[in-house]
Amino acid sequence: MIFNPKTRSYIKGLVLLVMFLFAGLATAAEHSNILLSIDEVKARIEQGNVTLVDSRSLVEFKKGHIKGAVSLPTDETFTKTGRSDLVATITEIRDLMSAAGITSESKIIIYGDKTFLDMSRLFWVLETFGVKDVAIMNGFFGEWVKKITRHKKDCKLS
């Protein structure tokens, strides 16, 4: 079957579109566990073998946090010298991860409060530095307290 150049171009475009669509669906399926509901986070905690990472400041963490969580403030991932929007050095990030007990094999769920920007940056930094299994709680610490900690057993409050 012979097609004119315009039709061939149209068919190539359609084939590429279908390929990109399926590639996008495959990628979405691979990463379907990135954004977890509060109930999904609670279920993963109950299953064990997960590290909850609080992205808020250490001061906020000390006021209260999800039981078993570690503090890794997003603000600590910025460089301490030069431009303030750059990522800290490899050594600084590795030290932060080590202090929080995080390795490249850790299963991480990040939570925070009031903004997904901090949680998203921490997600990106952890993935960039080799952590393979990172997710974000689709809700804030305050929502966790209201929904899950009615009896305060799942939340440490100082």
C-alpha atoms as a PDB file:
ATOM      1  CA  MET A   1       0.000   0.000   0.000  1.00  0.00           C
ATOM      2  CA  ILE A   2       1.437   3.378  -0.991  1.00  0.00           C
ATOM      3  CA  PHE A   3       0.507   6.572   0.842  1.00  0.00           C
ATOM      4  CA  ASN A   4       1.152  10.119  -0.247  1.00  0.00           C
ATOM      5  CA  PRO A   5       3.714  12.109   1.833  1.00  0.00           C
ATOM      6  CA  LYS A   6       1.032  13.987   3.791  1.00  0.00           C
ATOM      7  CA  THR A   7      -0.721  10.749   4.799  1.00  0.00           C
ATOM      8  CA  ARG A   8       2.613   9.103   5.741  1.00  0.00           C
ATOM      9  CA  SER A   9       3.441  12.080   7.925  1.00  0.00           C
ATOM     10  CA  TYR A  10       0.014  11.860   9.571  1.00  0.00           C
ATOM     11  CA  ILE A  11       0.445   8.110  10.242  1.00  0.00           C
ATOM     12  CA  LYS A  12       3.940   8.631  11.705  1.00  0.00           C
ATOM     13  CA  GLY A  13       2.571  11.324  13.991  1.00  0.00           C
ATOM     14  CA  LEU A  14      -0.284   9.090  15.093  1.00  0.00           C
ATOM     15  CA  VAL A  15       2.102   6.172  15.777  1.00  0.00           C
ATOM     16  CA  LEU A  16       4.382   8.445  17.831  1.00  0.00           C
ATOM     17  CA  LEU A  17       1.404   9.771  19.782  1.00  0.00           C
ATOM     18  CA  VAL A  18       0.251   6.247  20.615  1.00  0.00           C
ATOM     19  CA  MET A  19       3.793   5.267  21.647  1.00  0.00           C
ATOM     20  CA  PHE A  20       4.083   8.287  23.964  1.00  0.00           C
ATOM     21  CA  LEU A  21       0.647   7.587  25.400  1.00  0.00           C
ATOM     22  CA  PHE A  22       1.572   3.998  26.276  1.00  0.00           C
ATOM     23  CA  ALA A  23       4.977   5.073  27.606  1.00  0.00           C
ATOM     24  CA  GLY A  24       3.228   7.612  29.832  1.00  0.00           C
ATOM     25  CA  LEU A  25       0.766   5.025  31.089  1.00  0.00           C
ATOM     26  CA  ALA A  26       3.589   2.601  31.862  1.00  0.00           C
ATOM     27  CA  THR A  27       5.461   5.296  33.775  1.00  0.00           C
ATOM     28  CA  ALA A  28       2.335   6.261  35.707  1.00  0.00           C
ATOM     29  CA  ALA A  29       1.747   2.609  36.606  1.00  0.00           C
ATOM     30  CA  GLU A  30       5.337   2.254  37.830  1.00  0.00           C
ATOM     31  CA  HIS A  31       4.924   5.288  40.076  1.00  0.00           C
ATOM     32  CA  SER A  32       1.340   4.778  41.209  1.00  0.00           C
ATOM     33  CA  ASN A  33       2.427   4.586  44.851  1.00  0.00           C
ATOM     34  CA  ILE A  34       4.057   8.016  45.059  1.00  0.00           C
ATOM     35  CA  LEU A  35       1.130   9.926  46.556  1.00  0.00           C
ATOM     36  CA  LEU A  36      -0.465   8.036  49.441  1.00  0.00           C
ATOM     37  CA  SER A  37      -3.672   8.824  51.287  1.00  0.00           C
ATOM     38  CA  ILE A  38      -3.549   9.115  55.063  1.00  0.00           C
ATOM     39  CA  ASP A  39      -5.239   5.712  55.326  1.00  0.00           C
ATOM     40  CA  GLU A  40      -2.640   4.148  52.997  1.00  0.00           C
ATOM     41  CA  VAL A  41       0.157   5.615  55.132  1.00  0.00           C
ATOM     42  CA  LYS A  42      -1.423   4.165  58.269  1.00  0.00           C
ATOM     43  CA  ALA A  43      -1.691   0.754  56.571  1.00  0.00           C
ATOM     44  CA  ARG A  44       1.978   0.844  55.527  1.00  0.00           C
ATOM     45  CA  ILE A  45       3.000   1.773  59.061  1.00  0.00           C
ATOM     46  CA  GLU A  46       1.050  -1.217  60.366  1.00  0.00           C
ATOM     47  CA  GLN A  47       2.789  -3.478  57.804  1.00  0.00           C
ATOM     48  CA  GLY A  48       6.150  -2.229  59.119  1.00  0.00           C
ATOM     49  CA  ASN A  49       9.466  -1.726  57.334  1.00  0.00           C
ATOM     50  CA  VAL A  50       8.767   1.907  56.438  1.00  0.00           C
ATOM     51  CA  THR A  51      10.498   5.096  57.554  1.00  0.00           C
ATOM     52  CA  LEU A  52       8.312   8.142  58.082  1.00  0.00           C
ATOM     53  CA  VAL A  53      10.196  11.348  57.380  1.00  0.00           C
ATOM     54  CA  ASP A  54       8.930  14.629  58.800  1.00  0.00           C
ATOM     55  CA  SER A  55       9.903  17.454  56.425  1.00  0.00           C
ATOM     56  CA  ARG A  56       8.998  20.224  58.872  1.00  0.00           C
ATOM     57  CA  SER A  57      11.483  22.153  60.980  1.00  0.00           C
ATOM     58  CA  LEU A  58      13.082  20.436  63.961  1.00  0.00           C
ATOM     59  CA  VAL A  59      11.188  22.828  66.245  1.00  0.00           C
ATOM     60  CA  GLU A  60       7.851  21.688  64.770  1.00  0.00           C
ATOM     61  CA  PHE A  61       8.946  18.051  64.901  1.00  0.00           C
ATOM     62  CA  LYS A  62       9.725  18.375  68.609  1.00  0.00           C
ATOM     63  CA  LYS A  63       6.278  19.881  69.254  1.00  0.00           C
ATOM     64  CA  GLY A  64       4.694  16.729  67.859  1.00  0.00           C
ATOM     65  CA  HIS A  65       5.140  14.154  65.124  1.00  0.00           C
ATOM     66  CA  ILE A  66       3.846  10.807  63.928  1.00  0.00           C
ATOM     67  CA  LYS A  67       5.075   8.035  66.202  1.00  0.00           C
ATOM     68  CA  GLY A  68       8.293   6.521  64.885  1.00  0.00           C
ATOM     69  CA  ALA A  69       9.014   9.339  62.427  1.00  0.00           C
ATOM     70  CA  VAL A  70      12.461  10.839  61.910  1.00  0.00           C
ATOM     71  CA  SER A  71      13.159  14.510  61.340  1.00  0.00           C
ATOM     72  CA  LEU A  72      14.732  15.605  58.053  1.00  0.00           C
ATOM     73  CA  PRO A  73      13.791  19.261  57.604  1.00  0.00           C
ATOM     74  CA  THR A  74      13.586  20.328  53.976  1.00  0.00           C
ATOM     75  CA  ASP A  75      15.405  23.545  54.893  1.00  0.00           C
ATOM     76  CA  GLU A  76      18.496  21.457  55.696  1.00  0.00           C
ATOM     77  CA  THR A  77      18.713  20.292  52.063  1.00  0.00           C
ATOM     78  CA  PHE A  78      19.673  23.756  50.807  1.00  0.00           C
ATOM     79  CA  THR A  79      23.302  24.796  50.440  1.00  0.00           C
ATOM     80  CA  LYS A  80      24.770  26.715  53.355  1.00  0.00           C
ATOM     81  CA  THR A  81      26.982  28.897  51.153  1.00  0.00           C
ATOM     82  CA  GLY A  82      26.403  30.799  47.936  1.00  0.00           C
ATOM     83  CA  ARG A  83      22.987  30.716  46.279  1.00  0.00           C
ATOM     84  CA  SER A  84      20.333  29.733  48.788  1.00  0.00           C
ATOM     85  CA  ASP A  85      18.216  27.828  46.255  1.00  0.00           C
ATOM     86  CA  LEU A  86      20.842  25.174  45.478  1.00  0.00           C
ATOM     87  CA  VAL A  87      21.077  21.701  46.956  1.00  0.00           C
ATOM     88  CA  ALA A  88      23.549  21.117  49.773  1.00  0.00           C
ATOM     89  CA  THR A  89      26.735  19.239  49.005  1.00  0.00           C
ATOM     90  CA  ILE A  90      26.797  15.479  48.572  1.00  0.00           C
ATOM     91  CA  THR A  91      28.560  15.155  51.919  1.00  0.00           C
ATOM     92  CA  GLU A  92      25.960  17.313  53.699  1.00  0.00           C
ATOM     93  CA  ILE A  93      23.039  15.373  52.202  1.00  0.00           C
ATOM     94  CA  ARG A  94      24.667  12.018  52.977  1.00  0.00           C
ATOM     95  CA  ASP A  95      25.254  13.181  56.581  1.00  0.00           C
ATOM     96  CA  LEU A  96      21.605  14.280  56.889  1.00  0.00           C
ATOM     97  CA  MET A  97      20.398  10.952  55.535  1.00  0.00           C
ATOM     98  CA  SER A  98      22.750   9.015  57.783  1.00  0.00           C
ATOM     99  CA  ALA A  99      21.675  10.972  60.877  1.00  0.00           C
ATOM    100  CA  ALA A 100      18.039  10.158  60.038  1.00  0.00           C
ATOM    101  CA  GLY A 101      18.868   6.486  59.462  1.00  0.00           C
ATOM    102  CA  ILE A 102      18.018   6.668  55.747  1.00  0.00           C
ATOM    103  CA  THR A 103      19.808   4.496  53.185  1.00  0.00           C
ATOM    104  CA  SER A 104      19.235   3.957  49.481  1.00  0.00           C
ATOM    105  CA  GLU A 105      17.241   0.837  50.416  1.00  0.00           C
ATOM    106  CA  SER A 106      14.920   2.624  52.878  1.00  0.00           C
ATOM    107  CA  LYS A 107      11.191   2.744  52.183  1.00  0.00           C
ATOM    108  CA  ILE A 108      10.345   6.383  52.826  1.00  0.00           C
ATOM    109  CA  ILE A 109       7.057   8.207  53.325  1.00  0.00           C
ATOM    110  CA  ILE A 110       7.438  11.974  53.607  1.00  0.00           C
ATOM    111  CA  TYR A 111       4.923  14.147  55.410  1.00  0.00           C
ATOM    112  CA  GLY A 112       4.828  17.768  56.427  1.00  0.00           C
ATOM    113  CA  ASP A 113       2.454  20.630  56.995  1.00  0.00           C
ATOM    114  CA  LYS A 114       0.773  23.349  54.977  1.00  0.00           C
ATOM    115  CA  THR A 115       2.752  23.024  51.749  1.00  0.00           C
ATOM    116  CA  PHE A 116       3.548  20.275  49.313  1.00  0.00           C
ATOM    117  CA  LEU A 117       6.505  22.298  48.057  1.00  0.00           C
ATOM    118  CA  ASP A 118       8.719  21.244  50.988  1.00  0.00           C
ATOM    119  CA  MET A 119       7.616  17.614  50.758  1.00  0.00           C
ATOM    120  CA  SER A 120       8.159  17.602  46.979  1.00  0.00           C
ATOM    121  CA  ARG A 121      11.651  19.063  47.290  1.00  0.00           C
ATOM    122  CA  LEU A 122      12.602  16.488  49.920  1.00  0.00           C
ATOM    123  CA  PHE A 123      11.168  13.741  47.699  1.00  0.00           C
ATOM    124  CA  TRP A 124      13.304  14.994  44.801  1.00  0.00           C
ATOM    125  CA  VAL A 125      16.461  15.292  46.928  1.00  0.00           C
ATOM    126  CA  LEU A 126      16.091  11.770  48.330  1.00  0.00           C
ATOM    127  CA  GLU A 127      15.498  10.294  44.875  1.00  0.00           C
ATOM    128  CA  THR A 128      18.404  12.290  43.441  1.00  0.00           C
ATOM    129  CA  PHE A 129      20.687  10.909  46.140  1.00  0.00           C
ATOM    130  CA  GLY A 130      19.717   7.306  45.438  1.00  0.00           C
ATOM    131  CA  VAL A 131      16.730   6.444  47.632  1.00  0.00           C
ATOM    132  CA  LYS A 132      14.621   4.192  45.401  1.00  0.00           C
ATOM    133  CA  ASP A 133      11.339   3.910  47.300  1.00  0.00           C
ATOM    134  CA  VAL A 134       9.983   7.337  48.252  1.00  0.00           C
ATOM    135  CA  ALA A 135       6.360   8.429  48.628  1.00  0.00           C
ATOM    136  CA  ILE A 136       4.522  11.490  49.918  1.00  0.00           C
ATOM    137  CA  MET A 137       1.542  11.502  52.263  1.00  0.00           C
ATOM    138  CA  ASN A 138      -1.320  13.253  50.482  1.00  0.00           C
ATOM    139  CA  GLY A 139      -2.309  15.224  53.545  1.00  0.00           C
ATOM    140  CA  PHE A 140      -0.660  17.269  56.219  1.00  0.00           C
ATOM    141  CA  PHE A 141       0.429  16.435  59.757  1.00  0.00           C
ATOM    142  CA  GLY A 142      -2.541  18.380  61.141  1.00  0.00           C
ATOM    143  CA  GLU A 143      -4.910  16.224  59.110  1.00  0.00           C
ATOM    144  CA  TRP A 144      -3.172  13.083  60.410  1.00  0.00           C
ATOM    145  CA  VAL A 145      -3.696  14.296  63.978  1.00  0.00           C
ATOM    146  CA  LYS A 146      -7.407  14.930  63.336  1.00  0.00           C
ATOM    147  CA  LYS A 147      -8.074  11.731  61.397  1.00  0.00           C
ATOM    148  CA  ILE A 148      -5.801   9.069  62.877  1.00  0.00           C
ATOM    149  CA  THR A 149      -4.819  10.115  66.356  1.00  0.00           C
ATOM    150  CA  ARG A 150      -8.138  10.429  68.049  1.00  0.00           C
ATOM    151  CA  HIS A 151      -6.611   8.525  70.981  1.00  0.00           C
ATOM    152  CA  LYS A 152      -3.141  10.120  70.582  1.00  0.00           C
ATOM    153  CA  LYS A 153      -1.469   6.690  70.383  1.00  0.00           C
ATOM    154  CA  ASP A 154      -0.166   7.205  66.830  1.00  0.00           C
ATOM    155  CA  CYS A 155       1.154  10.689  67.457  1.00  0.00           C
ATOM    156  CA  LYS A 156       3.909  11.803  69.767  1.00  0.00           C
ATOM    157  CA  LEU A 157       3.101  15.156  71.305  1.00  0.00           C
ATOM    158  CA  SER A 158       5.535  16.846  73.624  1.00  0.00           C
END
